[in-house]
Protein backbone atom coordinates (compact mmCIF):
# COMPACT_ATOMS: atom_id res chain seq x y z
CA MET A 1 -34.95 8.00 -35.92
CA MET A 2 -31.23 8.50 -36.48
CA LYS A 3 -30.06 11.36 -38.69
CA LEU A 4 -29.53 10.10 -42.22
CA GLU A 5 -27.03 11.42 -44.72
CA GLY A 6 -28.33 13.93 -47.21
CA GLU A 7 -31.78 15.48 -47.34
CA PRO A 8 -35.30 14.14 -47.99
CA ALA A 9 -36.32 13.82 -51.61
CA PRO A 10 -38.03 16.95 -52.99
CA ARG A 11 -40.95 14.75 -54.04
CA PRO A 12 -41.79 11.21 -52.90
CA ILE A 13 -40.00 8.53 -54.89
CA ARG A 14 -42.57 6.12 -56.32
CA TRP A 15 -42.05 2.45 -55.45
CA GLY A 16 -43.54 -0.71 -56.90
CA VAL A 17 -43.50 -3.92 -54.86
CA LEU A 18 -42.65 -7.12 -56.73
CA SER A 19 -44.28 -10.03 -54.83
CA THR A 20 -46.59 -10.22 -51.86
CA ALA A 21 -44.10 -12.30 -49.86
CA ARG A 22 -44.09 -12.23 -46.07
CA ILE A 23 -40.98 -10.04 -45.88
CA ALA A 24 -42.79 -7.44 -47.99
CA ARG A 25 -46.00 -7.67 -45.97
CA GLN A 26 -44.52 -7.77 -42.48
CA ARG A 27 -41.40 -5.64 -42.77
CA VAL A 28 -40.63 -3.71 -45.92
CA VAL A 29 -43.94 -2.20 -47.04
CA PRO A 30 -44.85 -0.99 -43.51
CA ALA A 31 -41.38 0.57 -43.42
CA LEU A 32 -41.79 2.17 -46.86
CA LEU A 33 -44.95 3.81 -45.62
CA LYS A 34 -42.99 5.44 -42.78
CA SER A 35 -40.49 7.06 -45.14
CA ALA A 36 -41.08 10.72 -45.98
CA SER A 37 -39.27 10.31 -49.30
CA THR A 38 -41.22 7.24 -50.41
CA GLU A 39 -44.62 6.52 -51.92
CA VAL A 40 -45.80 2.95 -52.60
CA VAL A 41 -47.92 3.15 -55.74
CA ALA A 42 -48.27 -0.43 -56.98
CA VAL A 43 -47.84 -4.10 -56.10
CA ALA A 44 -47.64 -7.18 -58.32
CA SER A 45 -48.24 -10.88 -57.79
CA ARG A 46 -48.78 -13.86 -60.07
CA SER A 47 -52.34 -13.74 -58.71
CA LEU A 48 -54.36 -10.57 -59.26
CA GLU A 49 -56.51 -11.53 -56.27
CA ASN A 50 -53.45 -11.70 -54.01
CA ALA A 51 -52.15 -8.40 -55.36
CA ARG A 52 -55.50 -6.69 -54.77
CA GLY A 53 -55.72 -8.06 -51.24
CA PHE A 54 -52.21 -6.81 -50.49
CA ALA A 55 -52.93 -3.41 -52.04
CA ASP A 56 -56.15 -3.01 -50.06
CA ALA A 57 -54.37 -3.88 -46.81
CA PHE A 58 -51.85 -1.07 -47.28
CA GLY A 59 -53.86 1.49 -49.24
CA ILE A 60 -51.81 0.96 -52.41
CA ALA A 61 -53.48 2.41 -55.51
CA ARG A 62 -52.63 -0.18 -58.17
CA ALA A 63 -52.51 -3.99 -58.14
CA TYR A 64 -51.14 -6.09 -61.00
CA GLY A 65 -51.64 -9.80 -61.70
CA SER A 66 -48.27 -10.17 -63.45
CA TYR A 67 -44.73 -9.02 -62.79
CA ASN A 68 -44.31 -7.52 -66.27
CA GLU A 69 -47.23 -5.14 -65.75
CA LEU A 70 -45.45 -3.66 -62.74
CA LEU A 71 -42.15 -3.34 -64.61
CA ASP A 72 -43.95 -1.63 -67.51
CA ASP A 73 -45.65 0.96 -65.29
CA PRO A 74 -44.10 4.31 -66.35
CA GLU A 75 -45.00 5.99 -63.05
CA ILE A 76 -42.74 3.77 -60.94
CA ASP A 77 -39.22 4.93 -60.05
CA VAL A 78 -38.06 2.01 -57.87
CA ILE A 79 -38.81 -1.70 -57.77
CA TYR A 80 -38.56 -3.52 -54.45
CA ASN A 81 -37.92 -7.17 -55.34
CA ALA A 82 -39.14 -9.72 -52.77
CA LEU A 83 -39.29 -12.75 -55.07
CA PRO A 84 -37.55 -16.04 -54.20
CA ASN A 85 -33.77 -16.13 -54.63
CA HIS A 86 -33.77 -18.01 -57.94
CA LEU A 87 -35.89 -15.28 -59.56
CA HIS A 88 -33.90 -12.30 -58.32
CA ALA A 89 -31.30 -11.90 -61.04
CA VAL A 90 -33.62 -12.19 -64.04
CA THR A 91 -36.24 -9.82 -62.60
CA VAL A 92 -33.66 -7.30 -61.37
CA ARG A 93 -32.18 -7.14 -64.85
CA ALA A 94 -35.62 -6.82 -66.44
CA ALA A 95 -36.46 -3.93 -64.09
CA LEU A 96 -33.21 -2.14 -64.84
CA GLU A 97 -33.79 -2.53 -68.56
CA LYS A 98 -37.11 -0.74 -68.03
CA GLY A 99 -35.23 2.14 -66.41
CA LYS A 100 -36.20 1.31 -62.82
CA HIS A 101 -33.92 1.51 -59.81
CA VAL A 102 -34.00 -1.73 -57.78
CA LEU A 103 -33.71 -2.69 -54.14
CA CYS A 104 -33.59 -6.49 -54.08
CA GLU A 105 -33.81 -8.97 -51.25
CA LYS A 106 -30.57 -10.77 -50.67
CA PRO A 107 -28.85 -12.43 -52.33
CA MET A 108 -29.36 -10.78 -55.70
CA GLY A 109 -28.69 -14.10 -57.45
CA VAL A 110 -27.82 -17.68 -56.69
CA ASN A 111 -24.22 -17.32 -57.88
CA ARG A 112 -21.71 -14.63 -58.77
CA GLU A 113 -22.14 -15.05 -62.52
CA GLU A 114 -25.86 -14.27 -62.31
CA ILE A 115 -25.23 -11.02 -60.47
CA ALA A 116 -22.25 -9.99 -62.60
CA ALA A 117 -24.44 -10.35 -65.69
CA ILE A 118 -26.67 -7.59 -64.30
CA ARG A 119 -23.90 -4.94 -64.34
CA PRO A 120 -24.35 -3.75 -67.95
CA ALA A 121 -28.01 -2.95 -67.28
CA ALA A 122 -27.21 -1.09 -64.06
CA ARG A 123 -25.42 1.88 -65.61
CA GLY A 124 -26.88 5.13 -64.32
CA LEU A 125 -29.29 3.35 -61.98
CA HIS A 126 -29.17 2.38 -58.32
CA VAL A 127 -29.36 -1.37 -57.69
CA ALA A 128 -28.58 -2.93 -54.33
CA GLU A 129 -29.20 -5.82 -51.99
CA ALA A 130 -31.52 -5.04 -49.08
CA PHE A 131 -29.10 -5.58 -46.20
CA MET A 132 -31.20 -3.51 -43.83
CA PHE A 133 -28.89 -4.05 -40.85
CA ARG A 134 -26.30 -1.72 -42.38
CA HIS A 135 -28.69 1.16 -41.68
CA HIS A 136 -29.20 0.46 -37.99
CA PRO A 137 -27.41 2.94 -35.69
CA GLN A 138 -25.83 0.10 -33.70
CA TRP A 139 -23.66 -0.74 -36.71
CA HIS A 140 -22.68 2.90 -37.14
CA GLU A 141 -21.76 3.02 -33.46
CA VAL A 142 -19.59 -0.08 -33.84
CA ARG A 143 -17.92 1.49 -36.84
CA ARG A 144 -17.30 4.64 -34.79
CA LEU A 145 -15.76 2.62 -31.96
CA LEU A 146 -13.46 0.79 -34.36
CA ASP A 147 -12.41 4.02 -36.08
CA ALA A 148 -11.69 5.55 -32.67
CA ASP A 149 -9.38 2.58 -31.92
CA ARG A 150 -11.37 1.69 -28.80
CA ILE A 151 -10.46 -2.02 -29.05
CA GLY A 152 -7.18 -1.70 -30.91
CA PRO A 153 -6.62 -3.12 -34.39
CA LEU A 154 -9.47 -5.46 -35.36
CA ARG A 155 -8.34 -9.09 -35.57
CA LEU A 156 -11.30 -11.44 -35.15
CA VAL A 157 -15.01 -11.48 -35.98
CA GLN A 158 -17.17 -14.37 -34.82
CA GLY A 159 -20.74 -14.71 -36.07
CA PHE A 160 -23.74 -16.90 -35.35
CA PHE A 161 -27.16 -16.79 -37.02
CA SER A 162 -29.82 -19.50 -36.84
CA PHE A 163 -33.52 -20.31 -36.85
CA LEU A 164 -35.66 -23.46 -36.98
CA ASN A 165 -37.61 -24.20 -40.17
CA VAL A 166 -38.15 -27.82 -41.23
CA ASP A 167 -41.11 -27.29 -43.58
CA PRO A 168 -40.17 -28.95 -46.91
CA ALA A 169 -42.65 -26.73 -48.78
CA ASN A 170 -41.01 -23.51 -47.59
CA ILE A 171 -38.89 -21.82 -50.25
CA ARG A 172 -36.03 -21.54 -47.76
CA ASN A 173 -35.85 -25.34 -47.77
CA ARG A 174 -35.94 -25.93 -51.51
CA VAL A 175 -32.73 -26.22 -53.50
CA GLU A 176 -34.45 -25.20 -56.73
CA THR A 177 -35.52 -21.84 -55.30
CA GLY A 178 -32.11 -20.99 -53.85
CA GLY A 179 -32.84 -22.15 -50.32
CA GLY A 180 -30.43 -23.17 -47.60
CA ALA A 181 -28.56 -21.56 -44.75
CA LEU A 182 -25.69 -19.91 -46.63
CA LEU A 183 -27.82 -18.06 -49.18
CA ASP A 184 -30.55 -17.19 -46.70
CA ILE A 185 -28.58 -16.03 -43.65
CA GLY A 186 -24.91 -16.77 -44.28
CA CYS A 187 -24.97 -13.81 -46.66
CA TYR A 188 -25.63 -11.54 -43.64
CA VAL A 189 -22.61 -12.75 -41.72
CA VAL A 190 -20.36 -12.43 -44.75
CA ALA A 191 -21.62 -8.91 -45.45
CA ALA A 192 -21.12 -7.97 -41.79
CA ALA A 193 -17.51 -9.18 -41.74
CA ARG A 194 -16.71 -7.34 -44.97
CA PHE A 195 -18.27 -4.19 -43.47
CA LEU A 196 -16.24 -4.50 -40.27
CA PHE A 197 -12.89 -5.34 -41.86
CA ARG A 198 -13.46 -3.01 -44.82
CA ALA A 199 -11.83 -5.70 -46.91
CA GLU A 200 -12.51 -8.82 -48.93
CA PRO A 201 -11.45 -12.30 -47.76
CA ILE A 202 -8.59 -13.86 -49.67
CA ARG A 203 -9.62 -17.46 -48.95
CA VAL A 204 -12.43 -19.36 -47.23
CA LEU A 205 -13.06 -22.84 -45.82
CA ALA A 206 -16.47 -24.45 -45.18
CA LEU A 207 -17.98 -27.38 -43.29
CA ILE A 208 -21.54 -27.92 -44.52
CA ASP A 209 -24.25 -30.33 -43.39
CA ARG A 210 -27.13 -30.96 -45.78
CA ASP A 211 -30.62 -32.14 -44.98
CA PRO A 212 -30.80 -35.73 -46.25
CA ALA A 213 -34.34 -35.31 -47.60
CA MET A 214 -34.45 -31.69 -48.81
CA GLY A 215 -30.84 -31.39 -49.95
CA THR A 216 -30.39 -27.85 -48.64
CA ASP A 217 -27.46 -26.81 -46.47
CA ARG A 218 -29.06 -26.81 -43.03
CA ALA A 219 -25.89 -25.93 -41.13
CA ALA A 220 -22.65 -24.34 -42.27
CA SER A 221 -19.57 -23.38 -40.31
CA PHE A 222 -16.90 -21.45 -42.11
CA LEU A 223 -13.65 -19.56 -41.83
CA ALA A 224 -12.61 -16.54 -43.87
CA ASP A 225 -9.06 -15.21 -44.03
CA PHE A 226 -9.02 -11.44 -44.57
CA GLY A 227 -5.24 -11.27 -44.51
CA GLU A 228 -2.89 -9.57 -42.05
CA GLY A 229 -4.12 -11.85 -39.25
CA ARG A 230 -7.78 -10.87 -39.65
CA GLN A 231 -10.22 -13.78 -39.43
CA LEU A 232 -13.94 -14.49 -39.53
CA SER A 233 -15.34 -17.64 -37.96
CA ALA A 234 -19.07 -18.26 -38.26
CA THR A 235 -21.89 -20.77 -38.03
CA VAL A 236 -25.33 -20.44 -39.62
CA SER A 237 -28.22 -22.88 -39.48
CA THR A 238 -31.83 -23.20 -40.59
CA GLN A 239 -32.58 -26.14 -38.30
CA THR A 240 -31.51 -25.08 -34.82
CA PHE A 241 -32.84 -22.80 -32.10
CA ARG A 242 -33.29 -19.18 -33.16
CA HIS A 243 -30.23 -17.18 -32.15
CA GLN A 244 -27.85 -14.52 -33.46
CA ARG A 245 -24.82 -12.60 -32.29
CA ILE A 246 -21.61 -11.00 -33.49
CA ALA A 247 -18.40 -10.81 -31.47
CA ILE A 248 -15.73 -8.32 -32.58
CA VAL A 249 -12.28 -8.66 -31.03
CA GLY A 250 -9.25 -6.41 -31.30
CA THR A 251 -5.89 -6.42 -29.57
CA SER A 252 -7.07 -4.37 -26.58
CA GLY A 253 -10.81 -4.98 -26.32
CA ARG A 254 -13.95 -6.60 -27.68
CA ILE A 255 -17.45 -5.62 -28.76
CA GLU A 256 -20.52 -7.87 -28.48
CA MET A 257 -23.69 -7.42 -30.56
CA PRO A 258 -26.54 -9.63 -29.28
CA THR A 259 -29.04 -8.68 -32.02
CA PRO A 260 -26.90 -7.65 -34.97
CA PHE A 261 -29.36 -8.45 -37.76
CA SER A 262 -32.92 -8.48 -36.40
CA ALA A 263 -32.93 -5.64 -33.90
CA PRO A 264 -36.54 -5.01 -32.79
CA THR A 265 -38.24 -1.79 -33.82
CA ASP A 266 -39.78 -1.15 -30.39
CA GLU A 267 -36.81 -1.81 -28.11
CA ALA A 268 -33.39 -0.28 -27.69
CA ALA A 269 -30.49 -2.16 -29.24
CA HIS A 270 -27.56 -2.81 -26.93
CA ILE A 271 -23.91 -3.38 -27.66
CA THR A 272 -21.20 -4.07 -25.09
CA ILE A 273 -17.61 -2.88 -25.24
CA ASP A 274 -15.08 -4.49 -22.89
CA THR A 275 -11.54 -3.12 -22.61
CA HIS A 276 -10.72 -4.61 -19.19
CA GLY A 277 -11.10 -8.36 -19.58
CA PRO A 278 -12.56 -11.14 -17.39
CA GLY A 279 -14.16 -9.99 -14.15
CA HIS A 280 -15.38 -6.70 -15.59
CA PRO A 281 -18.92 -6.33 -17.00
CA GLY A 282 -17.92 -3.94 -19.75
CA GLU A 283 -19.75 -0.83 -20.88
CA THR A 284 -23.22 -1.26 -22.36
CA ILE A 285 -24.27 1.24 -25.00
CA ALA A 286 -27.98 1.57 -25.72
CA LEU A 287 -29.20 2.77 -29.11
CA PRO A 288 -32.78 4.11 -29.36
CA PRO A 289 -35.39 1.97 -31.12
CA VAL A 290 -35.54 2.44 -34.87
CA ASP A 291 -37.02 0.66 -37.86
CA GLN A 292 -33.94 -0.29 -39.86
CA TYR A 293 -36.13 -1.12 -42.86
CA ALA A 294 -37.54 2.42 -42.82
CA LEU A 295 -34.03 3.87 -42.59
CA GLN A 296 -33.03 1.73 -45.57
CA ALA A 297 -36.07 2.88 -47.58
CA GLU A 298 -35.43 6.54 -46.83
CA ALA A 299 -31.72 6.25 -47.69
CA PHE A 300 -32.45 4.51 -51.00
CA SER A 301 -35.13 7.03 -51.99
CA ARG A 302 -32.78 9.91 -51.19
CA ALA A 303 -30.11 8.31 -53.38
CA VAL A 304 -32.57 7.89 -56.26
CA ALA A 305 -33.61 11.54 -55.86
CA GLY A 306 -29.96 12.63 -55.83
CA THR A 307 -30.26 14.16 -52.36
CA GLY A 308 -28.28 11.54 -50.45
CA PRO A 309 -25.55 8.92 -50.93
CA TRP A 310 -25.83 5.16 -51.36
CA HIS A 311 -22.76 3.18 -50.39
CA PHE A 312 -23.45 -0.40 -51.54
CA GLY A 313 -24.23 -1.13 -55.17
CA ILE A 314 -23.88 -3.91 -57.71
CA ASP A 315 -20.14 -4.39 -57.10
CA ASP A 316 -20.81 -5.03 -53.42
CA ALA A 317 -23.44 -7.65 -54.30
CA ILE A 318 -20.99 -9.36 -56.67
CA ALA A 319 -18.25 -9.40 -54.02
CA ASN A 320 -20.54 -10.81 -51.33
CA MET A 321 -21.78 -13.55 -53.65
CA ALA A 322 -18.22 -14.42 -54.64
CA VAL A 323 -17.54 -15.38 -51.02
CA LEU A 324 -20.65 -17.56 -50.86
CA ASP A 325 -19.67 -19.26 -54.13
CA ALA A 326 -16.23 -20.01 -52.72
CA LEU A 327 -17.80 -21.53 -49.60
CA PHE A 328 -19.88 -23.88 -51.76
CA ARG A 329 -16.76 -24.81 -53.73
CA SER A 330 -14.99 -25.53 -50.44
CA GLU A 331 -17.80 -27.91 -49.50
CA SER A 332 -16.97 -29.95 -52.61
CA SER A 333 -13.18 -29.63 -52.57
CA GLY A 334 -12.69 -29.99 -48.82
CA THR A 335 -10.03 -27.30 -48.89
CA TRP A 336 -9.50 -23.53 -48.93
CA GLU A 337 -11.01 -21.68 -51.88
CA ARG A 338 -10.40 -18.16 -53.16
CA PRO A 339 -13.37 -15.88 -53.94
CA VAL A 340 -13.50 -14.53 -57.47
CA SER A 341 -14.60 -11.03 -56.59
CA GLU A 342 -13.46 -8.69 -59.32
CA ALA A 343 -16.34 -7.01 -61.09
CA SER A 344 -16.77 -8.08 -64.67
């Protein structure tokens, strides 16, 4: 495991898990259990039977048959929110109002206004979107390469992220639950470009194709102008072959990331840097296997304990959502739109 900033919490930070969703079962809770600074003490579902089954599977002490019971538990420090997108904002705010810190699956709301409305309740508490990829060492290595000017000034980022899911009952394919490609995976590409450029886009343009039966955006290609010649071009889709990559191009080199978002926990992640051009294979850099979800959990618990930093809070979530909102407006207007990203 890579060296994290700060130090482990002096006592385990107590987490409650809101929802027994697949992401919680397969990824996040197993990762929480690996974190030295974290203790999972409770889980909640709309069904007490489901909550008990989940709790038994992971050795969690308490199971609740309602979300409010979890939020009211005085022995919980942090809520991990794995509910569907349309329920994020209201439950995040409710958790904050109960004095809980919150790590929420992304996006934190279905529009910028929903997330901005959370800000008053967030004072003095940590609240963030669970962009786990930011904690993987491959992204820190890319940041190091950029800061060392290995590819010259950064000019272009190109992203692709897709998977195939045509089940109309799946929440990712339902408009009313905040489904669709942009909210589900486009948010990753936008967050990645903002991380790489260390800037916000000044205008965006979108081409969106919607499923004729389900109404969700099943494919979206978009451009983002970050000013000073810096551009993002990207395509995301929920109805094509599973694939992802990020290309990062400067004036004197390029970096390729073949698994930027879903790097496996049991294999090395590889990035390639090329400063010679066509005919040269470039230099491949291997990063040891890690669980980026576990790194995220440890970093968040350290921040809650006051023994480590946390770099992406509510303002970051608002800014990321502002870009997605502008892309949806561009779908309707057919022209460039400006994100409204100031915190309010």
